């Protein structure tokens, strides 16, 4: 049973309620229809009692300061570094994924470690990073947490970016 009070579990912001307790996730273009007590394709979204929850709110799988040119954003803040982070799993299943050790791991709320957006912003500033970047696996899966992180980061003068497979919905982009 999933502990809904765990820090890394939050109600998702992009879903529709369907009949029979089912929900449709509208975060990525897979638009998974998820039955009660089931997860979507990415394994980061679960239907609990007809409501969709993210299992990865602030559950980071990697955290590292990296040059922006690696992203590859060559002409965006050239010469700067961004505190780069990711979570678990992916909404694709690419056999050639260079970060398979992150993108193929199903999140486990029982062993999750929560990182607050405020803590990550403070780390970026402490390390001398100029930005924040969601990367390594599909960052769309961290949308709820990244929104909060980026709001705080922008108020502290940090740029914010995603390195994405681009499969998010137009609803997610808004």
N, C-alpha and C. Protein backbone atom coordinates (compact mmCIF):
# COMPACT_ATOMS: atom_id res chain seq x y z
N UNK A 1 0.83 -1.19 0.00
CA UNK A 1 0.00 0.00 0.00
C UNK A 1 0.88 1.25 0.00
N UNK A 2 0.51 2.23 -0.77
CA UNK A 2 1.25 3.49 -0.88
C UNK A 2 0.86 4.41 0.28
N UNK A 3 1.87 4.95 0.95
CA UNK A 3 1.63 5.91 2.03
C UNK A 3 1.44 7.29 1.41
N UNK A 4 0.19 7.76 1.33
CA UNK A 4 -0.11 9.03 0.70
C UNK A 4 0.47 10.22 1.45
N UNK A 5 0.95 10.01 2.66
CA UNK A 5 1.53 11.10 3.44
C UNK A 5 3.03 11.26 3.20
N UNK A 6 3.62 10.35 2.44
CA UNK A 6 5.05 10.45 2.14
C UNK A 6 5.32 11.76 1.41
N UNK A 7 6.44 12.39 1.70
CA UNK A 7 6.77 13.70 1.13
C UNK A 7 6.86 13.68 -0.39
N UNK A 8 7.20 12.54 -0.98
CA UNK A 8 7.38 12.47 -2.43
C UNK A 8 6.09 12.13 -3.17
N UNK A 9 4.99 12.01 -2.46
CA UNK A 9 3.70 11.69 -3.08
C UNK A 9 2.79 12.90 -2.97
N UNK A 10 2.38 13.42 -4.12
CA UNK A 10 1.49 14.58 -4.18
C UNK A 10 0.46 14.34 -5.27
N UNK A 11 -0.69 14.97 -5.12
CA UNK A 11 -1.69 14.85 -6.18
C UNK A 11 -1.14 15.50 -7.44
N UNK A 12 -1.32 14.81 -8.55
CA UNK A 12 -0.86 15.32 -9.85
C UNK A 12 -1.72 16.52 -10.25
N UNK A 13 -1.17 17.38 -11.08
CA UNK A 13 -1.93 18.56 -11.51
C UNK A 13 -2.53 18.39 -12.90
N UNK A 14 -2.09 17.39 -13.65
CA UNK A 14 -2.56 17.24 -15.02
C UNK A 14 -3.21 15.88 -15.23
N UNK A 15 -4.50 15.82 -14.93
CA UNK A 15 -5.25 14.59 -15.19
C UNK A 15 -6.73 14.91 -15.27
N UNK A 16 -7.47 13.96 -15.85
CA UNK A 16 -8.92 14.06 -15.96
C UNK A 16 -9.53 12.86 -15.26
N UNK A 17 -10.63 13.08 -14.57
CA UNK A 17 -11.37 11.98 -13.95
C UNK A 17 -12.29 11.38 -15.00
N UNK A 18 -12.30 10.07 -15.07
CA UNK A 18 -13.16 9.34 -15.99
C UNK A 18 -14.16 8.54 -15.15
N UNK A 19 -15.04 7.84 -15.76
CA UNK A 19 -15.99 7.01 -15.03
C UNK A 19 -15.33 5.79 -14.41
N UNK A 20 -16.00 5.21 -13.42
CA UNK A 20 -15.54 3.97 -12.81
C UNK A 20 -14.26 4.09 -12.01
N UNK A 21 -13.95 5.28 -11.54
CA UNK A 21 -12.73 5.48 -10.75
C UNK A 21 -11.46 5.61 -11.57
N UNK A 22 -11.58 5.53 -12.89
CA UNK A 22 -10.41 5.66 -13.75
C UNK A 22 -10.04 7.13 -13.92
N UNK A 23 -8.77 7.36 -14.25
CA UNK A 23 -8.29 8.71 -14.55
C UNK A 23 -7.46 8.65 -15.83
N UNK A 24 -7.35 9.79 -16.48
CA UNK A 24 -6.47 9.90 -17.65
C UNK A 24 -5.39 10.92 -17.31
N UNK A 25 -4.15 10.48 -17.37
CA UNK A 25 -3.01 11.37 -17.17
C UNK A 25 -2.84 12.19 -18.44
N UNK A 26 -2.69 13.49 -18.31
CA UNK A 26 -2.49 14.34 -19.49
C UNK A 26 -1.15 15.08 -19.41
N UNK A 27 -0.19 14.44 -18.76
CA UNK A 27 1.15 15.02 -18.66
C UNK A 27 1.94 14.82 -19.95
N UNK A 28 1.92 13.60 -20.48
CA UNK A 28 2.62 13.35 -21.74
C UNK A 28 1.62 12.82 -22.77
N UNK A 29 2.06 12.74 -24.00
CA UNK A 29 1.17 12.35 -25.10
C UNK A 29 0.76 10.88 -25.08
N UNK A 30 1.27 10.11 -24.16
CA UNK A 30 0.74 8.75 -24.01
C UNK A 30 -0.70 8.80 -23.52
N UNK A 31 -1.01 9.84 -22.72
CA UNK A 31 -2.35 10.05 -22.17
C UNK A 31 -2.92 8.75 -21.59
N UNK A 32 -2.18 8.17 -20.69
CA UNK A 32 -2.55 6.89 -20.08
C UNK A 32 -3.90 6.96 -19.39
N UNK A 33 -4.73 5.95 -19.62
CA UNK A 33 -5.95 5.75 -18.84
C UNK A 33 -5.56 4.77 -17.74
N UNK A 34 -5.74 5.19 -16.49
CA UNK A 34 -5.22 4.43 -15.35
C UNK A 34 -6.36 4.03 -14.42
N UNK A 35 -6.50 2.73 -14.22
CA UNK A 35 -7.52 2.19 -13.32
C UNK A 35 -7.08 2.36 -11.87
N UNK A 36 -8.02 2.25 -10.93
CA UNK A 36 -7.66 2.36 -9.51
C UNK A 36 -6.55 1.38 -9.12
N UNK A 37 -5.62 1.87 -8.32
CA UNK A 37 -4.47 1.11 -7.82
C UNK A 37 -3.49 0.68 -8.90
N UNK A 38 -3.57 1.29 -10.05
CA UNK A 38 -2.65 1.00 -11.15
C UNK A 38 -1.78 2.23 -11.42
N UNK A 39 -0.67 1.98 -12.14
CA UNK A 39 0.24 3.05 -12.53
C UNK A 39 0.20 3.22 -14.04
N UNK A 40 0.62 4.40 -14.49
CA UNK A 40 0.74 4.66 -15.91
C UNK A 40 2.01 4.05 -16.47
N UNK A 41 2.21 4.21 -17.77
CA UNK A 41 3.37 3.64 -18.45
C UNK A 41 4.69 4.01 -17.76
N UNK A 42 4.82 5.26 -17.33
CA UNK A 42 6.07 5.74 -16.74
C UNK A 42 6.31 5.24 -15.32
N UNK A 43 5.31 4.69 -14.70
CA UNK A 43 5.38 4.17 -13.32
C UNK A 43 5.58 5.26 -12.26
N UNK A 44 5.47 6.54 -12.66
CA UNK A 44 5.60 7.62 -11.68
C UNK A 44 4.25 8.19 -11.28
N UNK A 45 3.18 7.72 -11.90
CA UNK A 45 1.81 8.19 -11.63
C UNK A 45 0.96 7.01 -11.22
N UNK A 46 0.19 7.18 -10.15
CA UNK A 46 -0.67 6.11 -9.65
C UNK A 46 -2.07 6.66 -9.36
N UNK A 47 -3.06 5.84 -9.64
CA UNK A 47 -4.45 6.17 -9.35
C UNK A 47 -4.79 5.63 -7.97
N UNK A 48 -5.07 6.53 -7.04
CA UNK A 48 -5.51 6.14 -5.69
C UNK A 48 -6.90 6.72 -5.48
N UNK A 49 -7.87 5.83 -5.39
CA UNK A 49 -9.27 6.24 -5.15
C UNK A 49 -9.77 7.27 -6.15
N UNK A 50 -9.44 7.07 -7.42
CA UNK A 50 -9.94 7.95 -8.47
C UNK A 50 -9.24 9.29 -8.58
N UNK A 51 -8.08 9.42 -7.93
CA UNK A 51 -7.27 10.63 -8.03
C UNK A 51 -5.86 10.22 -8.44
N UNK A 52 -5.24 11.02 -9.29
CA UNK A 52 -3.90 10.70 -9.78
C UNK A 52 -2.84 11.37 -8.92
N UNK A 53 -1.84 10.59 -8.54
CA UNK A 53 -0.75 11.07 -7.71
C UNK A 53 0.58 10.86 -8.41
N UNK A 54 1.51 11.79 -8.19
CA UNK A 54 2.89 11.59 -8.61
C UNK A 54 3.63 10.92 -7.46
N UNK A 55 4.48 9.98 -7.78
CA UNK A 55 5.27 9.26 -6.78
C UNK A 55 6.68 9.83 -6.66
N UNK A 56 7.00 10.86 -7.45
CA UNK A 56 8.39 11.34 -7.51
C UNK A 56 8.55 12.82 -7.16
N UNK A 57 7.65 13.38 -6.40
CA UNK A 57 7.73 14.80 -6.05
C UNK A 57 8.97 15.03 -5.18
N UNK A 58 9.99 15.60 -5.78
CA UNK A 58 11.23 15.88 -5.05
C UNK A 58 12.10 14.66 -4.78
N UNK A 59 11.79 13.52 -5.41
CA UNK A 59 12.62 12.31 -5.27
C UNK A 59 13.66 12.33 -6.38
N UNK A 60 14.86 12.77 -6.05
CA UNK A 60 15.89 12.95 -7.07
C UNK A 60 16.80 11.72 -7.18
N UNK A 61 17.07 11.33 -8.42
CA UNK A 61 17.95 10.20 -8.68
C UNK A 61 19.38 10.65 -8.96
N UNK A 62 19.56 11.90 -9.35
CA UNK A 62 20.89 12.43 -9.65
C UNK A 62 20.88 13.94 -9.43
N UNK A 63 22.04 14.47 -9.05
CA UNK A 63 22.20 15.90 -8.81
C UNK A 63 23.66 16.25 -9.04
N UNK A 64 23.92 17.16 -9.99
CA UNK A 64 25.30 17.48 -10.35
C UNK A 64 25.37 18.83 -11.05
N UNK A 65 26.39 19.63 -10.73
CA UNK A 65 26.66 20.86 -11.47
C UNK A 65 27.30 20.48 -12.79
N UNK A 66 26.74 21.01 -13.90
CA UNK A 66 27.25 20.65 -15.23
C UNK A 66 27.27 21.88 -16.13
N UNK A 67 28.25 21.95 -17.03
CA UNK A 67 28.29 23.06 -17.99
C UNK A 67 27.04 23.06 -18.87
N UNK A 68 26.52 24.23 -19.15
CA UNK A 68 25.30 24.34 -19.96
C UNK A 68 25.50 23.76 -21.35
N UNK A 69 26.72 23.83 -21.88
CA UNK A 69 26.97 23.34 -23.24
C UNK A 69 26.72 21.84 -23.38
N UNK A 70 26.77 21.10 -22.29
CA UNK A 70 26.51 19.66 -22.32
C UNK A 70 25.03 19.37 -22.59
N UNK A 71 24.15 20.31 -22.37
CA UNK A 71 22.70 20.07 -22.37
C UNK A 71 22.07 19.60 -23.68
N UNK A 72 22.25 20.00 -24.81
CA UNK A 72 23.22 20.90 -25.42
C UNK A 72 22.57 22.25 -25.76
N UNK A 73 22.78 23.22 -24.93
CA UNK A 73 22.32 24.59 -25.18
C UNK A 73 23.56 25.46 -25.39
N UNK A 74 24.15 25.38 -26.54
CA UNK A 74 25.45 26.02 -26.77
C UNK A 74 25.41 27.54 -26.65
N UNK A 75 24.34 28.18 -27.11
CA UNK A 75 24.27 29.64 -27.10
C UNK A 75 23.36 30.19 -26.01
N UNK A 76 23.02 29.37 -25.06
CA UNK A 76 22.18 29.79 -23.93
C UNK A 76 23.05 29.85 -22.69
N UNK A 77 23.30 31.03 -22.17
CA UNK A 77 24.17 31.24 -21.02
C UNK A 77 25.52 30.54 -21.22
N UNK A 78 26.21 30.81 -22.34
CA UNK A 78 27.49 30.13 -22.59
C UNK A 78 28.48 30.34 -21.45
N UNK A 79 29.20 29.27 -21.14
CA UNK A 79 30.21 29.31 -20.09
C UNK A 79 29.66 29.17 -18.69
N UNK A 80 28.35 28.99 -18.56
CA UNK A 80 27.75 28.87 -17.23
C UNK A 80 27.58 27.41 -16.83
N UNK A 81 27.24 27.21 -15.56
CA UNK A 81 26.90 25.87 -15.09
C UNK A 81 25.48 25.89 -14.53
N UNK A 82 24.85 24.73 -14.58
CA UNK A 82 23.50 24.57 -14.04
C UNK A 82 23.50 23.37 -13.11
N UNK A 83 22.85 23.52 -11.97
CA UNK A 83 22.66 22.38 -11.09
C UNK A 83 21.63 21.50 -11.77
N UNK A 84 22.07 20.34 -12.21
CA UNK A 84 21.27 19.44 -13.03
C UNK A 84 20.75 18.29 -12.18
N UNK A 85 19.48 17.96 -12.36
CA UNK A 85 18.83 16.96 -11.51
C UNK A 85 17.90 16.09 -12.33
N UNK A 86 17.53 14.96 -11.76
CA UNK A 86 16.58 14.06 -12.40
C UNK A 86 15.85 13.25 -11.34
N UNK A 87 14.86 12.52 -11.80
CA UNK A 87 14.17 11.55 -10.95
C UNK A 87 14.31 10.19 -11.61
N UNK A 88 13.42 9.29 -11.30
CA UNK A 88 13.46 7.92 -11.81
C UNK A 88 12.49 7.74 -12.97
N UNK A 89 12.74 6.73 -13.79
CA UNK A 89 11.85 6.26 -14.84
C UNK A 89 11.82 7.20 -16.05
N UNK A 90 10.94 6.87 -16.99
CA UNK A 90 10.82 7.65 -18.22
C UNK A 90 9.49 7.30 -18.89
N UNK A 91 9.03 8.16 -19.78
CA UNK A 91 7.82 7.86 -20.55
C UNK A 91 8.16 7.26 -21.91
N UNK A 92 9.43 6.99 -22.16
CA UNK A 92 9.90 6.27 -23.33
C UNK A 92 10.59 4.99 -22.84
N UNK A 93 10.92 4.11 -23.75
CA UNK A 93 11.63 2.90 -23.39
C UNK A 93 12.78 2.64 -24.34
N UNK A 94 13.57 3.66 -24.61
CA UNK A 94 14.65 3.58 -25.61
C UNK A 94 15.74 2.60 -25.16
N UNK A 95 16.04 1.63 -26.00
CA UNK A 95 17.06 0.64 -25.65
C UNK A 95 18.47 1.24 -25.69
N UNK A 96 18.63 2.39 -26.34
CA UNK A 96 19.94 3.02 -26.44
C UNK A 96 20.15 4.14 -25.41
N UNK A 97 19.25 4.28 -24.46
CA UNK A 97 19.33 5.39 -23.51
C UNK A 97 20.67 5.41 -22.78
N UNK A 98 21.34 6.56 -22.82
CA UNK A 98 22.63 6.69 -22.14
C UNK A 98 22.48 6.76 -20.63
N UNK A 99 21.28 7.02 -20.15
CA UNK A 99 21.03 7.10 -18.70
C UNK A 99 20.06 6.01 -18.25
N UNK A 100 20.20 4.83 -18.83
CA UNK A 100 19.30 3.71 -18.53
C UNK A 100 19.27 3.38 -17.05
N UNK A 101 20.37 3.64 -16.34
CA UNK A 101 20.44 3.35 -14.90
C UNK A 101 19.48 4.25 -14.10
N UNK A 102 18.99 5.32 -14.71
CA UNK A 102 17.99 6.20 -14.09
C UNK A 102 16.62 6.03 -14.74
N UNK A 103 16.61 5.92 -16.07
CA UNK A 103 15.35 5.92 -16.81
C UNK A 103 14.60 4.60 -16.77
N UNK A 104 15.26 3.52 -16.36
CA UNK A 104 14.58 2.22 -16.32
C UNK A 104 14.23 1.78 -14.91
N UNK A 105 14.50 2.62 -13.93
CA UNK A 105 14.23 2.26 -12.53
C UNK A 105 12.87 2.80 -12.12
N UNK A 106 12.02 1.90 -11.65
CA UNK A 106 10.70 2.31 -11.16
C UNK A 106 10.85 2.97 -9.79
N UNK A 107 10.21 4.12 -9.59
CA UNK A 107 10.32 4.78 -8.29
C UNK A 107 9.75 3.93 -7.17
N UNK A 108 10.37 4.03 -6.00
CA UNK A 108 9.93 3.27 -4.84
C UNK A 108 9.68 4.24 -3.69
N UNK A 109 8.43 4.65 -3.46
CA UNK A 109 8.14 5.61 -2.41
C UNK A 109 8.63 5.18 -1.03
N UNK A 110 8.72 3.89 -0.78
CA UNK A 110 9.16 3.40 0.54
C UNK A 110 10.62 3.75 0.81
N UNK A 111 11.42 3.89 -0.25
CA UNK A 111 12.84 4.21 -0.06
C UNK A 111 13.20 5.59 -0.63
N UNK A 112 12.19 6.37 -0.98
CA UNK A 112 12.43 7.69 -1.58
C UNK A 112 13.06 8.65 -0.58
N UNK A 113 13.82 9.57 -1.11
CA UNK A 113 14.44 10.62 -0.31
C UNK A 113 13.98 11.96 -0.86
N UNK A 114 13.29 12.73 -0.05
CA UNK A 114 12.72 14.00 -0.49
C UNK A 114 13.74 15.12 -0.45
N UNK A 115 13.81 15.89 -1.53
CA UNK A 115 14.63 17.11 -1.60
C UNK A 115 13.69 18.28 -1.85
N UNK A 116 13.69 19.25 -0.97
CA UNK A 116 12.79 20.40 -1.14
C UNK A 116 13.32 21.32 -2.23
N UNK A 117 12.41 22.02 -2.92
CA UNK A 117 12.86 22.99 -3.92
C UNK A 117 13.79 24.05 -3.32
N UNK A 118 13.49 24.49 -2.12
CA UNK A 118 14.32 25.49 -1.45
C UNK A 118 15.75 24.99 -1.24
N UNK A 119 15.88 23.73 -0.83
CA UNK A 119 17.21 23.14 -0.60
C UNK A 119 18.02 23.09 -1.90
N UNK A 120 17.38 22.74 -2.99
CA UNK A 120 18.08 22.63 -4.27
C UNK A 120 18.52 24.01 -4.77
N UNK A 121 17.68 25.01 -4.60
CA UNK A 121 18.07 26.38 -4.98
C UNK A 121 19.27 26.82 -4.15
N UNK A 122 19.23 26.56 -2.86
CA UNK A 122 20.35 26.93 -1.99
C UNK A 122 21.64 26.21 -2.40
N UNK A 123 21.53 24.95 -2.78
CA UNK A 123 22.71 24.21 -3.25
C UNK A 123 23.27 24.82 -4.53
N UNK A 124 22.39 25.17 -5.46
CA UNK A 124 22.84 25.78 -6.72
C UNK A 124 23.61 27.06 -6.43
N UNK A 125 23.08 27.88 -5.56
CA UNK A 125 23.75 29.14 -5.21
C UNK A 125 25.07 28.88 -4.49
N UNK A 126 25.08 27.91 -3.59
CA UNK A 126 26.30 27.55 -2.86
C UNK A 126 27.39 27.07 -3.81
N UNK A 127 27.01 26.28 -4.82
CA UNK A 127 27.98 25.73 -5.77
C UNK A 127 28.41 26.76 -6.83
N UNK A 128 27.75 27.92 -6.86
CA UNK A 128 28.07 28.94 -7.84
C UNK A 128 27.43 28.72 -9.20
N UNK A 129 26.40 27.89 -9.25
CA UNK A 129 25.70 27.65 -10.52
C UNK A 129 24.86 28.86 -10.88
N UNK A 130 24.71 29.10 -12.18
CA UNK A 130 23.86 30.19 -12.66
C UNK A 130 22.46 29.73 -12.99
N UNK A 131 22.25 28.41 -13.04
CA UNK A 131 20.95 27.90 -13.43
C UNK A 131 20.59 26.58 -12.81
N UNK A 132 19.38 26.15 -13.13
CA UNK A 132 18.82 24.86 -12.73
C UNK A 132 18.40 24.14 -13.99
N UNK A 133 18.66 22.85 -14.09
CA UNK A 133 18.30 22.11 -15.30
C UNK A 133 17.78 20.72 -14.96
N UNK A 134 16.59 20.41 -15.44
CA UNK A 134 16.03 19.07 -15.32
C UNK A 134 16.50 18.27 -16.52
N UNK A 135 17.15 17.14 -16.28
CA UNK A 135 17.77 16.39 -17.36
C UNK A 135 17.98 14.93 -16.95
N UNK A 136 18.84 14.23 -17.64
CA UNK A 136 19.28 12.84 -17.42
C UNK A 136 18.22 11.80 -17.79
N UNK A 137 16.99 11.96 -17.36
CA UNK A 137 15.87 11.14 -17.82
C UNK A 137 14.78 12.13 -18.20
N UNK A 138 13.57 11.71 -18.46
CA UNK A 138 12.55 12.66 -18.92
C UNK A 138 12.05 13.55 -17.79
N UNK A 139 12.40 14.84 -17.81
CA UNK A 139 12.05 15.75 -16.72
C UNK A 139 10.56 16.08 -16.62
N UNK A 140 9.80 15.80 -17.66
CA UNK A 140 8.36 16.05 -17.58
C UNK A 140 7.75 15.33 -16.39
N UNK A 141 8.32 14.20 -16.01
CA UNK A 141 7.78 13.40 -14.90
C UNK A 141 7.92 14.12 -13.56
N UNK A 142 8.75 15.13 -13.50
CA UNK A 142 8.95 15.93 -12.27
C UNK A 142 8.19 17.26 -12.31
N UNK A 143 7.22 17.40 -13.19
CA UNK A 143 6.58 18.68 -13.45
C UNK A 143 6.10 19.41 -12.20
N UNK A 144 5.35 18.75 -11.35
CA UNK A 144 4.80 19.43 -10.17
C UNK A 144 5.90 20.03 -9.30
N UNK A 145 6.95 19.26 -9.06
CA UNK A 145 8.07 19.71 -8.23
C UNK A 145 8.90 20.77 -8.96
N UNK A 146 9.14 20.55 -10.26
CA UNK A 146 9.95 21.49 -11.04
C UNK A 146 9.29 22.86 -11.13
N UNK A 147 7.98 22.91 -11.20
CA UNK A 147 7.28 24.20 -11.21
C UNK A 147 7.63 24.99 -9.95
N UNK A 148 7.55 24.35 -8.81
CA UNK A 148 7.89 25.01 -7.54
C UNK A 148 9.36 25.40 -7.49
N UNK A 149 10.22 24.48 -7.90
CA UNK A 149 11.67 24.74 -7.92
C UNK A 149 11.99 25.94 -8.81
N UNK A 150 11.45 25.95 -10.02
CA UNK A 150 11.77 27.01 -10.96
C UNK A 150 11.22 28.36 -10.51
N UNK A 151 10.06 28.38 -9.87
CA UNK A 151 9.53 29.64 -9.33
C UNK A 151 10.51 30.22 -8.31
N UNK A 152 10.97 29.40 -7.41
CA UNK A 152 11.92 29.85 -6.38
C UNK A 152 13.25 30.23 -7.01
N UNK A 153 13.73 29.40 -7.92
CA UNK A 153 15.00 29.67 -8.59
C UNK A 153 15.00 31.00 -9.34
N UNK A 154 13.93 31.29 -10.04
CA UNK A 154 13.84 32.55 -10.79
C UNK A 154 13.90 33.76 -9.86
N UNK A 155 13.25 33.65 -8.69
CA UNK A 155 13.29 34.78 -7.74
C UNK A 155 14.69 34.99 -7.19
N UNK A 156 15.53 33.97 -7.27
CA UNK A 156 16.91 34.07 -6.78
C UNK A 156 17.91 34.31 -7.91
N UNK A 157 17.39 34.59 -9.12
CA UNK A 157 18.25 34.96 -10.24
C UNK A 157 18.81 33.81 -11.04
N UNK A 158 18.27 32.61 -10.88
CA UNK A 158 18.75 31.44 -11.62
C UNK A 158 17.93 31.25 -12.89
N UNK A 159 18.59 30.89 -14.00
CA UNK A 159 17.83 30.49 -15.18
C UNK A 159 17.38 29.05 -14.98
N UNK A 160 16.37 28.65 -15.74
CA UNK A 160 15.79 27.31 -15.57
C UNK A 160 15.57 26.67 -16.93
N UNK A 161 15.88 25.38 -17.06
CA UNK A 161 15.71 24.71 -18.34
C UNK A 161 15.42 23.22 -18.16
N UNK A 162 14.85 22.65 -19.22
CA UNK A 162 14.54 21.22 -19.33
C UNK A 162 15.34 20.66 -20.50
N UNK A 163 15.84 19.45 -20.38
CA UNK A 163 16.35 18.69 -21.52
C UNK A 163 15.37 17.53 -21.66
N UNK A 164 14.48 17.64 -22.64
CA UNK A 164 13.32 16.77 -22.72
C UNK A 164 13.26 16.01 -24.04
N UNK A 165 12.52 14.90 -24.03
CA UNK A 165 12.23 14.20 -25.27
C UNK A 165 11.11 14.90 -26.04
N UNK A 166 10.50 15.91 -25.43
CA UNK A 166 9.49 16.72 -26.11
C UNK A 166 8.12 16.08 -26.22
N UNK A 167 7.87 15.01 -25.48
CA UNK A 167 6.60 14.29 -25.61
C UNK A 167 5.54 14.78 -24.63
N UNK A 168 5.75 15.94 -24.00
CA UNK A 168 4.75 16.47 -23.08
C UNK A 168 3.57 17.03 -23.87
N UNK A 169 2.43 17.10 -23.21
CA UNK A 169 1.22 17.62 -23.86
C UNK A 169 1.26 19.14 -23.90
N UNK A 170 0.39 19.71 -24.72
CA UNK A 170 0.27 21.18 -24.72
C UNK A 170 -0.23 21.66 -23.37
N UNK A 171 -1.05 20.86 -22.69
CA UNK A 171 -1.50 21.22 -21.34
C UNK A 171 -0.32 21.34 -20.39
N UNK A 172 0.65 20.46 -20.52
CA UNK A 172 1.84 20.50 -19.66
C UNK A 172 2.70 21.72 -19.97
N UNK A 173 2.75 22.11 -21.21
CA UNK A 173 3.54 23.28 -21.60
C UNK A 173 2.96 24.58 -21.05
N UNK A 174 1.65 24.60 -20.88
CA UNK A 174 1.00 25.82 -20.37
C UNK A 174 1.25 25.94 -18.90
